[in-house]
Structures are given as structure tokens and as C-alpha cells.
Amino acid sequence: MANNPNSRSQGKKPLVACPCCKKEQEWSSENPFRPFCSERCKMIDLGAWAAEEYQIAAEPSVDDYSSSFEDAEGSDYLDRPLH
């Protein structure tokens, strides 16, 4: 984010960059779309989340592996011959 550290001392609101288009804007409660600059940027970001374009990094847990194995147990996957 682009922050102007001198803006608070001068009574101005800090400048931040829109996460989508990077346009600088004042951080203000008057902007209903913040941290985005517009509804368009907000919807673009929402669409990216819905399309699974963003991922949150995490280490797989034991539960992740065991649930995958349980899913395979219920199918004929384990009974198939190996080629």
C-alpha cells in the first residue's frame, strides 16, 4: 500500500493504492468501496476469489490426507488393477 506518512500530521487522510488497479486514493469512510477505488475494482476482486484465482498458502494437515483416503475407499479406485 502506498502510505504518505506526512498526511496525518497535515490533517489529510492517508493515501492508499487500490489493490486491483493500484490507483492512489484517500483512505476515507466516504468511499463505500474501500480498500478499492470503485465498485468495478471491488467486483473484479470478488470474481477472482470466486474463480479461485487467489490461494492462501497452508501446509496440508493429517486430516487432509485421511479424508482423501476415505474418499478413495468408498470407490472402486482401490480395486482397479495396476497397469
PDB file of N, CA and C in Angstrom:
ATOM      1  N   MET A   1       0.831  -1.170   0.000  1.00  0.00           N
ATOM      2  CA  MET A   1       0.000   0.000   0.000  1.00  0.00           C
ATOM      3  C   MET A   1       0.880   1.239   0.000  1.00  0.00           C
ATOM      4  N   ALA A   2       0.447   2.218  -0.686  1.00  0.00           N
ATOM      5  CA  ALA A   2       1.189   3.478  -0.711  1.00  0.00           C
ATOM      6  C   ALA A   2       0.646   4.357   0.399  1.00  0.00           C
ATOM      7  N   ASN A   3       1.450   4.594   1.395  1.00  0.00           N
ATOM      8  CA  ASN A   3       1.049   5.443   2.508  1.00  0.00           C
ATOM      9  C   ASN A   3       1.907   6.681   2.526  1.00  0.00           C
ATOM     10  N   ASN A   4       1.306   7.808   2.768  1.00  0.00           N
ATOM     11  CA  ASN A   4       2.034   9.053   2.899  1.00  0.00           C
ATOM     12  C   ASN A   4       2.117   9.370   4.387  1.00  0.00           C
ATOM     13  N   PRO A   5       3.278   9.142   5.036  1.00  0.00           N
ATOM     14  CA  PRO A   5       3.369   9.331   6.482  1.00  0.00           C
ATOM     15  C   PRO A   5       3.152  10.769   6.928  1.00  0.00           C
ATOM     16  N   ASN A   6       3.367  11.740   6.062  1.00  0.00           N
ATOM     17  CA  ASN A   6       3.194  13.145   6.440  1.00  0.00           C
ATOM     18  C   ASN A   6       1.745  13.600   6.377  1.00  0.00           C
ATOM     19  N   SER A   7       0.869  12.805   5.781  1.00  0.00           N
ATOM     20  CA  SER A   7      -0.500  13.255   5.564  1.00  0.00           C
ATOM     21  C   SER A   7      -1.276  13.419   6.862  1.00  0.00           C
ATOM     22  N   ARG A   8      -1.043  12.574   7.852  1.00  0.00           N
ATOM     23  CA  ARG A   8      -1.774  12.699   9.110  1.00  0.00           C
ATOM     24  C   ARG A   8      -1.389  13.968   9.853  1.00  0.00           C
ATOM     25  N   SER A   9      -0.122  14.307   9.811  1.00  0.00           N
ATOM     26  CA  SER A   9       0.317  15.498  10.533  1.00  0.00           C
ATOM     27  C   SER A   9      -0.242  16.769   9.904  1.00  0.00           C
ATOM     28  N   GLN A  10      -0.611  16.724   8.650  1.00  0.00           N
ATOM     29  CA  GLN A  10      -1.163  17.884   7.967  1.00  0.00           C
ATOM     30  C   GLN A  10      -2.689  17.873   7.970  1.00  0.00           C
ATOM     31  N   GLY A  11      -3.306  16.881   8.652  1.00  0.00           N
ATOM     32  CA  GLY A  11      -4.750  16.802   8.721  1.00  0.00           C
ATOM     33  C   GLY A  11      -5.388  16.150   7.513  1.00  0.00           C
ATOM     34  N   LYS A  12      -4.586  15.634   6.602  1.00  0.00           N
ATOM     35  CA  LYS A  12      -5.123  14.960   5.424  1.00  0.00           C
ATOM     36  C   LYS A  12      -5.248  13.474   5.701  1.00  0.00           C
ATOM     37  N   LYS A  13      -6.119  12.832   4.960  1.00  0.00           N
ATOM     38  CA  LYS A  13      -6.281  11.390   5.087  1.00  0.00           C
ATOM     39  C   LYS A  13      -5.163  10.696   4.318  1.00  0.00           C
ATOM     40  N   PRO A  14      -4.730   9.519   4.799  1.00  0.00           N
ATOM     41  CA  PRO A  14      -3.623   8.828   4.120  1.00  0.00           C
ATOM     42  C   PRO A  14      -4.020   8.350   2.726  1.00  0.00           C
ATOM     43  N   LEU A  15      -3.044   8.286   1.858  1.00  0.00           N
ATOM     44  CA  LEU A  15      -3.254   7.764   0.514  1.00  0.00           C
ATOM     45  C   LEU A  15      -2.942   6.278   0.508  1.00  0.00           C
ATOM     46  N   VAL A  16      -3.803   5.505  -0.139  1.00  0.00           N
ATOM     47  CA  VAL A  16      -3.596   4.065  -0.289  1.00  0.00           C
ATOM     48  C   VAL A  16      -3.810   3.701  -1.750  1.00  0.00           C
ATOM     49  N   ALA A  17      -3.182   2.619  -2.169  1.00  0.00           N
ATOM     50  CA  ALA A  17      -3.346   2.146  -3.541  1.00  0.00           C
ATOM     51  C   ALA A  17      -4.462   1.113  -3.586  1.00  0.00           C
ATOM     52  N   CYS A  18      -5.317   1.211  -4.575  1.00  0.00           N
ATOM     53  CA  CYS A  18      -6.372   0.230  -4.792  1.00  0.00           C
ATOM     54  C   CYS A  18      -5.701  -1.124  -5.049  1.00  0.00           C
ATOM     55  N   PRO A  19      -6.115  -2.189  -4.363  1.00  0.00           N
ATOM     56  CA  PRO A  19      -5.488  -3.494  -4.567  1.00  0.00           C
ATOM     57  C   PRO A  19      -5.659  -4.036  -5.985  1.00  0.00           C
ATOM     58  N   CYS A  20      -6.640  -3.543  -6.703  1.00  0.00           N
ATOM     59  CA  CYS A  20      -6.917  -4.046  -8.052  1.00  0.00           C
ATOM     60  C   CYS A  20      -6.178  -3.254  -9.124  1.00  0.00           C
ATOM     61  N   CYS A  21      -6.405  -1.953  -9.182  1.00  0.00           N
ATOM     62  CA  CYS A  21      -5.848  -1.139 -10.271  1.00  0.00           C
ATOM     63  C   CYS A  21      -4.651  -0.289  -9.848  1.00  0.00           C
ATOM     64  N   LYS A  22      -4.361  -0.265  -8.549  1.00  0.00           N
ATOM     65  CA  LYS A  22      -3.219   0.474  -7.982  1.00  0.00           C
ATOM     66  C   LYS A  22      -3.379   1.992  -8.011  1.00  0.00           C
ATOM     67  N   LYS A  23      -4.566   2.486  -8.339  1.00  0.00           N
ATOM     68  CA  LYS A  23      -4.828   3.924  -8.327  1.00  0.00           C
ATOM     69  C   LYS A  23      -4.791   4.422  -6.885  1.00  0.00           C
ATOM     70  N   GLU A  24      -4.064   5.518  -6.643  1.00  0.00           N
ATOM     71  CA  GLU A  24      -3.981   6.072  -5.295  1.00  0.00           C
ATOM     72  C   GLU A  24      -5.242   6.868  -4.978  1.00  0.00           C
ATOM     73  N   GLN A  25      -5.671   6.740  -3.717  1.00  0.00           N
ATOM     74  CA  GLN A  25      -6.875   7.423  -3.266  1.00  0.00           C
ATOM     75  C   GLN A  25      -6.756   7.698  -1.783  1.00  0.00           C
ATOM     76  N   GLU A  26      -7.561   8.616  -1.287  1.00  0.00           N
ATOM     77  CA  GLU A  26      -7.591   8.880   0.148  1.00  0.00           C
ATOM     78  C   GLU A  26      -8.331   7.751   0.850  1.00  0.00           C
ATOM     79  N   TRP A  27      -7.793   7.307   1.995  1.00  0.00           N
ATOM     80  CA  TRP A  27      -8.484   6.315   2.822  1.00  0.00           C
ATOM     81  C   TRP A  27      -9.540   7.078   3.603  1.00  0.00           C
ATOM     82  N   SER A  28     -10.793   6.890   3.224  1.00  0.00           N
ATOM     83  CA  SER A  28     -11.869   7.687   3.789  1.00  0.00           C
ATOM     84  C   SER A  28     -13.126   6.851   3.954  1.00  0.00           C
ATOM     85  N   SER A  29     -13.865   7.121   5.015  1.00  0.00           N
ATOM     86  CA  SER A  29     -15.140   6.431   5.219  1.00  0.00           C
ATOM     87  C   SER A  29     -16.173   6.880   4.187  1.00  0.00           C
ATOM     88  N   GLU A  30     -15.868   7.931   3.452  1.00  0.00           N
ATOM     89  CA  GLU A  30     -16.766   8.407   2.399  1.00  0.00           C
ATOM     90  C   GLU A  30     -16.730   7.496   1.173  1.00  0.00           C
ATOM     91  N   ASN A  31     -15.705   6.642   1.076  1.00  0.00           N
ATOM     92  CA  ASN A  31     -15.602   5.699  -0.041  1.00  0.00           C
ATOM     93  C   ASN A  31     -16.208   4.369   0.397  1.00  0.00           C
ATOM     94  N   PRO A  32     -17.403   4.024  -0.088  1.00  0.00           N
ATOM     95  CA  PRO A  32     -18.058   2.786   0.342  1.00  0.00           C
ATOM     96  C   PRO A  32     -17.382   1.523  -0.195  1.00  0.00           C
ATOM     97  N   PHE A  33     -16.434   1.668  -1.102  1.00  0.00           N
ATOM     98  CA  PHE A  33     -15.796   0.505  -1.718  1.00  0.00           C
ATOM     99  C   PHE A  33     -14.403   0.236  -1.164  1.00  0.00           C
ATOM    100  N   ARG A  34     -13.960   1.018  -0.202  1.00  0.00           N
ATOM    101  CA  ARG A  34     -12.584   0.870   0.280  1.00  0.00           C
ATOM    102  C   ARG A  34     -12.330  -0.538   0.780  1.00  0.00           C
ATOM    103  N   PRO A  35     -11.203  -1.105   0.552  1.00  0.00           N
ATOM    104  CA  PRO A  35      -9.961  -0.506   0.093  1.00  0.00           C
ATOM    105  C   PRO A  35      -9.881  -0.308  -1.417  1.00  0.00           C
ATOM    106  N   PHE A  36     -10.940  -0.637  -2.131  1.00  0.00           N
ATOM    107  CA  PHE A  36     -10.947  -0.469  -3.586  1.00  0.00           C
ATOM    108  C   PHE A  36     -11.363   0.951  -3.937  1.00  0.00           C
ATOM    109  N   CYS A  37     -11.012   1.375  -5.148  1.00  0.00           N
ATOM    110  CA  CYS A  37     -11.344   2.742  -5.549  1.00  0.00           C
ATOM    111  C   CYS A  37     -12.761   2.844  -6.104  1.00  0.00           C
ATOM    112  N   SER A  38     -13.321   1.714  -6.539  1.00  0.00           N
ATOM    113  CA  SER A  38     -14.640   1.758  -7.175  1.00  0.00           C
ATOM    114  C   SER A  38     -15.342   0.412  -7.030  1.00  0.00           C
ATOM    115  N   GLU A  39     -16.622   0.410  -7.354  1.00  0.00           N
ATOM    116  CA  GLU A  39     -17.379  -0.842  -7.339  1.00  0.00           C
ATOM    117  C   GLU A  39     -16.813  -1.815  -8.372  1.00  0.00           C
ATOM    118  N   ARG A  40     -16.366  -1.286  -9.502  1.00  0.00           N
ATOM    119  CA  ARG A  40     -15.794  -2.133 -10.556  1.00  0.00           C
ATOM    120  C   ARG A  40     -14.601  -2.928 -10.030  1.00  0.00           C
ATOM    121  N   CYS A  41     -13.663  -2.258  -9.369  1.00  0.00           N
ATOM    122  CA  CYS A  41     -12.482  -2.945  -8.827  1.00  0.00           C
ATOM    123  C   CYS A  41     -12.881  -3.947  -7.743  1.00  0.00           C
ATOM    124  N   LYS A  42     -13.860  -3.584  -6.938  1.00  0.00           N
ATOM    125  CA  LYS A  42     -14.340  -4.491  -5.894  1.00  0.00           C
ATOM    126  C   LYS A  42     -14.911  -5.766  -6.516  1.00  0.00           C
ATOM    127  N   MET A  43     -15.690  -5.626  -7.587  1.00  0.00           N
ATOM    128  CA  MET A  43     -16.299  -6.787  -8.236  1.00  0.00           C
ATOM    129  C   MET A  43     -15.267  -7.628  -8.988  1.00  0.00           C
ATOM    130  N   ILE A  44     -14.257  -6.989  -9.564  1.00  0.00           N
ATOM    131  CA  ILE A  44     -13.178  -7.734 -10.226  1.00  0.00           C
ATOM    132  C   ILE A  44     -12.479  -8.620  -9.201  1.00  0.00           C
ATOM    133  N   ASP A  45     -12.195  -8.071  -8.031  1.00  0.00           N
ATOM    134  CA  ASP A  45     -11.533  -8.835  -6.977  1.00  0.00           C
ATOM    135  C   ASP A  45     -12.424  -9.976  -6.480  1.00  0.00           C
ATOM    136  N   LEU A  46     -13.699  -9.703  -6.292  1.00  0.00           N
ATOM    137  CA  LEU A  46     -14.634 -10.743  -5.857  1.00  0.00           C
ATOM    138  C   LEU A  46     -14.695 -11.872  -6.881  1.00  0.00           C
ATOM    139  N   GLY A  47     -14.725 -11.511  -8.162  1.00  0.00           N
ATOM    140  CA  GLY A  47     -14.733 -12.520  -9.219  1.00  0.00           C
ATOM    141  C   GLY A  47     -13.477 -13.367  -9.217  1.00  0.00           C
ATOM    142  N   ALA A  48     -12.340 -12.756  -8.917  1.00  0.00           N
ATOM    143  CA  ALA A  48     -11.081 -13.509  -8.851  1.00  0.00           C
ATOM    144  C   ALA A  48     -11.118 -14.514  -7.704  1.00  0.00           C
ATOM    145  N   TRP A  49     -11.681 -14.123  -6.564  1.00  0.00           N
ATOM    146  CA  TRP A  49     -11.820 -15.072  -5.454  1.00  0.00           C
ATOM    147  C   TRP A  49     -12.771 -16.197  -5.844  1.00  0.00           C
ATOM    148  N   ALA A  50     -13.895 -15.862  -6.477  1.00  0.00           N
ATOM    149  CA  ALA A  50     -14.879 -16.874  -6.864  1.00  0.00           C
ATOM    150  C   ALA A  50     -14.315 -17.850  -7.890  1.00  0.00           C
ATOM    151  N   ALA A  51     -13.435 -17.366  -8.755  1.00  0.00           N
ATOM    152  CA  ALA A  51     -12.814 -18.220  -9.772  1.00  0.00           C
ATOM    153  C   ALA A  51     -11.590 -18.960  -9.223  1.00  0.00           C
ATOM    154  N   GLU A  52     -11.353 -18.818  -7.925  1.00  0.00           N
ATOM    155  CA  GLU A  52     -10.228 -19.469  -7.243  1.00  0.00           C
ATOM    156  C   GLU A  52      -8.881 -19.077  -7.840  1.00  0.00           C
ATOM    157  N   GLU A  53      -8.780 -17.807  -8.273  1.00  0.00           N
ATOM    158  CA  GLU A  53      -7.508 -17.295  -8.784  1.00  0.00           C
ATOM    159  C   GLU A  53      -6.546 -16.961  -7.651  1.00  0.00           C
ATOM    160  N   TYR A  54      -7.077 -16.754  -6.449  1.00  0.00           N
ATOM    161  CA  TYR A  54      -6.246 -16.491  -5.278  1.00  0.00           C
ATOM    162  C   TYR A  54      -6.182 -17.765  -4.449  1.00  0.00           C
ATOM    163  N   GLN A  55      -5.052 -17.984  -3.824  1.00  0.00           N
ATOM    164  CA  GLN A  55      -4.894 -19.136  -2.943  1.00  0.00           C
ATOM    165  C   GLN A  55      -4.212 -18.681  -1.669  1.00  0.00           C
ATOM    166  N   ILE A  56      -4.614 -19.264  -0.568  1.00  0.00           N
ATOM    167  CA  ILE A  56      -3.982 -18.995   0.707  1.00  0.00           C
ATOM    168  C   ILE A  56      -3.050 -20.161   0.994  1.00  0.00           C
ATOM    169  N   ALA A  57      -1.786 -19.865   1.154  1.00  0.00           N
ATOM    170  CA  ALA A  57      -0.791 -20.914   1.375  1.00  0.00           C
ATOM    171  C   ALA A  57      -0.992 -21.563   2.739  1.00  0.00           C
ATOM    172  N   ALA A  58      -0.925 -22.876   2.760  1.00  0.00           N
ATOM    173  CA  ALA A  58      -1.035 -23.621   4.010  1.00  0.00           C
ATOM    174  C   ALA A  58      -0.386 -24.982   3.829  1.00  0.00           C
ATOM    175  N   GLU A  59       0.125 -25.497   4.918  1.00  0.00           N
ATOM    176  CA  GLU A  59       0.680 -26.845   4.903  1.00  0.00           C
ATOM    177  C   GLU A  59      -0.480 -27.833   5.022  1.00  0.00           C
ATOM    178  N   PRO A  60      -0.465 -28.919   4.240  1.00  0.00           N
ATOM    179  CA  PRO A  60      -1.533 -29.911   4.375  1.00  0.00           C
ATOM    180  C   PRO A  60      -1.473 -30.572   5.753  1.00  0.00           C
ATOM    181  N   SER A  61      -2.630 -30.827   6.311  1.00  0.00           N
ATOM    182  CA  SER A  61      -2.693 -31.464   7.622  1.00  0.00           C
ATOM    183  C   SER A  61      -2.953 -32.959   7.457  1.00  0.00           C
ATOM    184  N   VAL A  62      -2.831 -33.696   8.532  1.00  0.00           N
ATOM    185  CA  VAL A  62      -3.102 -35.133   8.512  1.00  0.00           C
ATOM    186  C   VAL A  62      -4.546 -35.373   8.098  1.00  0.00           C
ATOM    187  N   ASP A  63      -5.451 -34.520   8.544  1.00  0.00           N
ATOM    188  CA  ASP A  63      -6.861 -34.668   8.186  1.00  0.00           C
ATOM    189  C   ASP A  63      -7.075 -34.564   6.684  1.00  0.00           C
ATOM    190  N   ASP A  64      -6.304 -33.711   6.007  1.00  0.00           N
ATOM    191  CA  ASP A  64      -6.427 -33.588   4.555  1.00  0.00           C
ATOM    192  C   ASP A  64      -6.103 -34.908   3.879  1.00  0.00           C
ATOM    193  N   TYR A  65      -5.054 -35.563   4.339  1.00  0.00           N
ATOM    194  CA  TYR A  65      -4.652 -36.834   3.738  1.00  0.00           C
ATOM    195  C   TYR A  65      -5.644 -37.944   4.066  1.00  0.00           C
ATOM    196  N   SER A  66      -6.108 -37.998   5.308  1.00  0.00           N
ATOM    197  CA  SER A  66      -7.009 -39.081   5.692  1.00  0.00           C
ATOM    198  C   SER A  66      -8.360 -38.949   4.999  1.00  0.00           C
ATOM    199  N   SER A  67      -8.846 -37.731   4.795  1.00  0.00           N
ATOM    200  CA  SER A  67     -10.133 -37.575   4.112  1.00  0.00           C
ATOM    201  C   SER A  67     -10.010 -37.973   2.646  1.00  0.00           C
ATOM    202  N   SER A  68      -8.860 -37.735   2.029  1.00  0.00           N
ATOM    203  CA  SER A  68      -8.652 -38.169   0.645  1.00  0.00           C
ATOM    204  C   SER A  68      -8.654 -39.681   0.558  1.00  0.00           C
ATOM    205  N   PHE A  69      -8.046 -40.345   1.530  1.00  0.00           N
ATOM    206  CA  PHE A  69      -8.004 -41.801   1.544  1.00  0.00           C
ATOM    207  C   PHE A  69      -9.397 -42.371   1.758  1.00  0.00           C
ATOM    208  N   GLU A  70     -10.173 -41.740   2.663  1.00  0.00           N
ATOM    209  CA  GLU A  70     -11.535 -42.205   2.917  1.00  0.00           C
ATOM    210  C   GLU A  70     -12.392 -42.059   1.674  1.00  0.00           C
ATOM    211  N   ASP A  71     -12.197 -41.009   0.906  1.00  0.00           N
ATOM    212  CA  ASP A  71     -12.944 -40.839  -0.340  1.00  0.00           C
ATOM    213  C   ASP A  71     -12.602 -41.955  -1.313  1.00  0.00           C
ATOM    214  N   ALA A  72     -11.343 -42.339  -1.382  1.00  0.00           N
ATOM    215  CA  ALA A  72     -10.913 -43.396  -2.294  1.00  0.00           C
ATOM    216  C   ALA A  72     -11.432 -44.752  -1.843  1.00  0.00           C
ATOM    217  N   GLU A  73     -11.568 -44.968  -0.526  1.00  0.00           N
ATOM    218  CA  GLU A  73     -12.061 -46.245  -0.025  1.00  0.00           C
ATOM    219  C   GLU A  73     -13.481 -46.523  -0.486  1.00  0.00           C
ATOM    220  N   GLY A  74     -14.295 -45.492  -0.583  1.00  0.00           N
ATOM    221  CA  GLY A  74     -15.685 -45.669  -0.961  1.00  0.00           C
ATOM    222  C   GLY A  74     -15.882 -45.924  -2.443  1.00  0.00           C
ATOM    223  N   SER A  75     -14.849 -45.826  -3.227  1.00  0.00           N
ATOM    224  CA  SER A  75     -14.978 -46.029  -4.671  1.00  0.00           C
ATOM    225  C   SER A  75     -14.278 -47.317  -5.067  1.00  0.00           C
ATOM    226  N   ASP A  76     -14.363 -47.638  -6.346  1.00  0.00           N
ATOM    227  CA  ASP A  76     -13.674 -48.834  -6.837  1.00  0.00           C
ATOM    228  C   ASP A  76     -12.228 -48.524  -7.214  1.00  0.00           C
ATOM    229  N   TYR A  77     -11.766 -47.361  -6.851  1.00  0.00           N
ATOM    230  CA  TYR A  77     -10.405 -46.942  -7.197  1.00  0.00           C
ATOM    231  C   TYR A  77      -9.360 -47.921  -6.670  1.00  0.00           C
ATOM    232  N   LEU A  78      -9.534 -48.397  -5.436  1.00  0.00           N
ATOM    233  CA  LEU A  78      -8.552 -49.300  -4.833  1.00  0.00           C
ATOM    234  C   LEU A  78      -8.624 -50.707  -5.419  1.00  0.00           C
ATOM    235  N   ASP A  79      -9.729 -51.060  -6.053  1.00  0.00           N
ATOM    236  CA  ASP A  79      -9.897 -52.398  -6.618  1.00  0.00           C
ATOM    237  C   ASP A  79      -9.429 -52.500  -8.059  1.00  0.00           C
ATOM    238  N   ARG A  80      -9.033 -51.389  -8.649  1.00  0.00           N
ATOM    239  CA  ARG A  80      -8.598 -51.410 -10.044  1.00  0.00           C
ATOM    240  C   ARG A  80      -7.223 -52.058 -10.168  1.00  0.00           C
ATOM    241  N   PRO A  81      -7.010 -52.809 -11.243  1.00  0.00           N
ATOM    242  CA  PRO A  81      -5.677 -53.393 -11.453  1.00  0.00           C
ATOM    243  C   PRO A  81      -4.670 -52.308 -11.819  1.00  0.00           C
ATOM    244  N   LEU A  82      -3.442 -52.506 -11.401  1.00  0.00           N
ATOM    245  CA  LEU A  82      -2.372 -51.575 -11.742  1.00  0.00           C
ATOM    246  C   LEU A  82      -1.862 -51.887 -13.133  1.00  0.00           C
ATOM    247  N   HIS A  83      -1.585 -50.895 -13.920  1.00  0.00           N
ATOM    248  CA  HIS A  83      -1.069 -51.103 -15.287  1.00  0.00           C
ATOM    249  C   HIS A  83       0.333 -50.650 -15.375  1.00  0.00           C
TER     250      HIS A  83
END
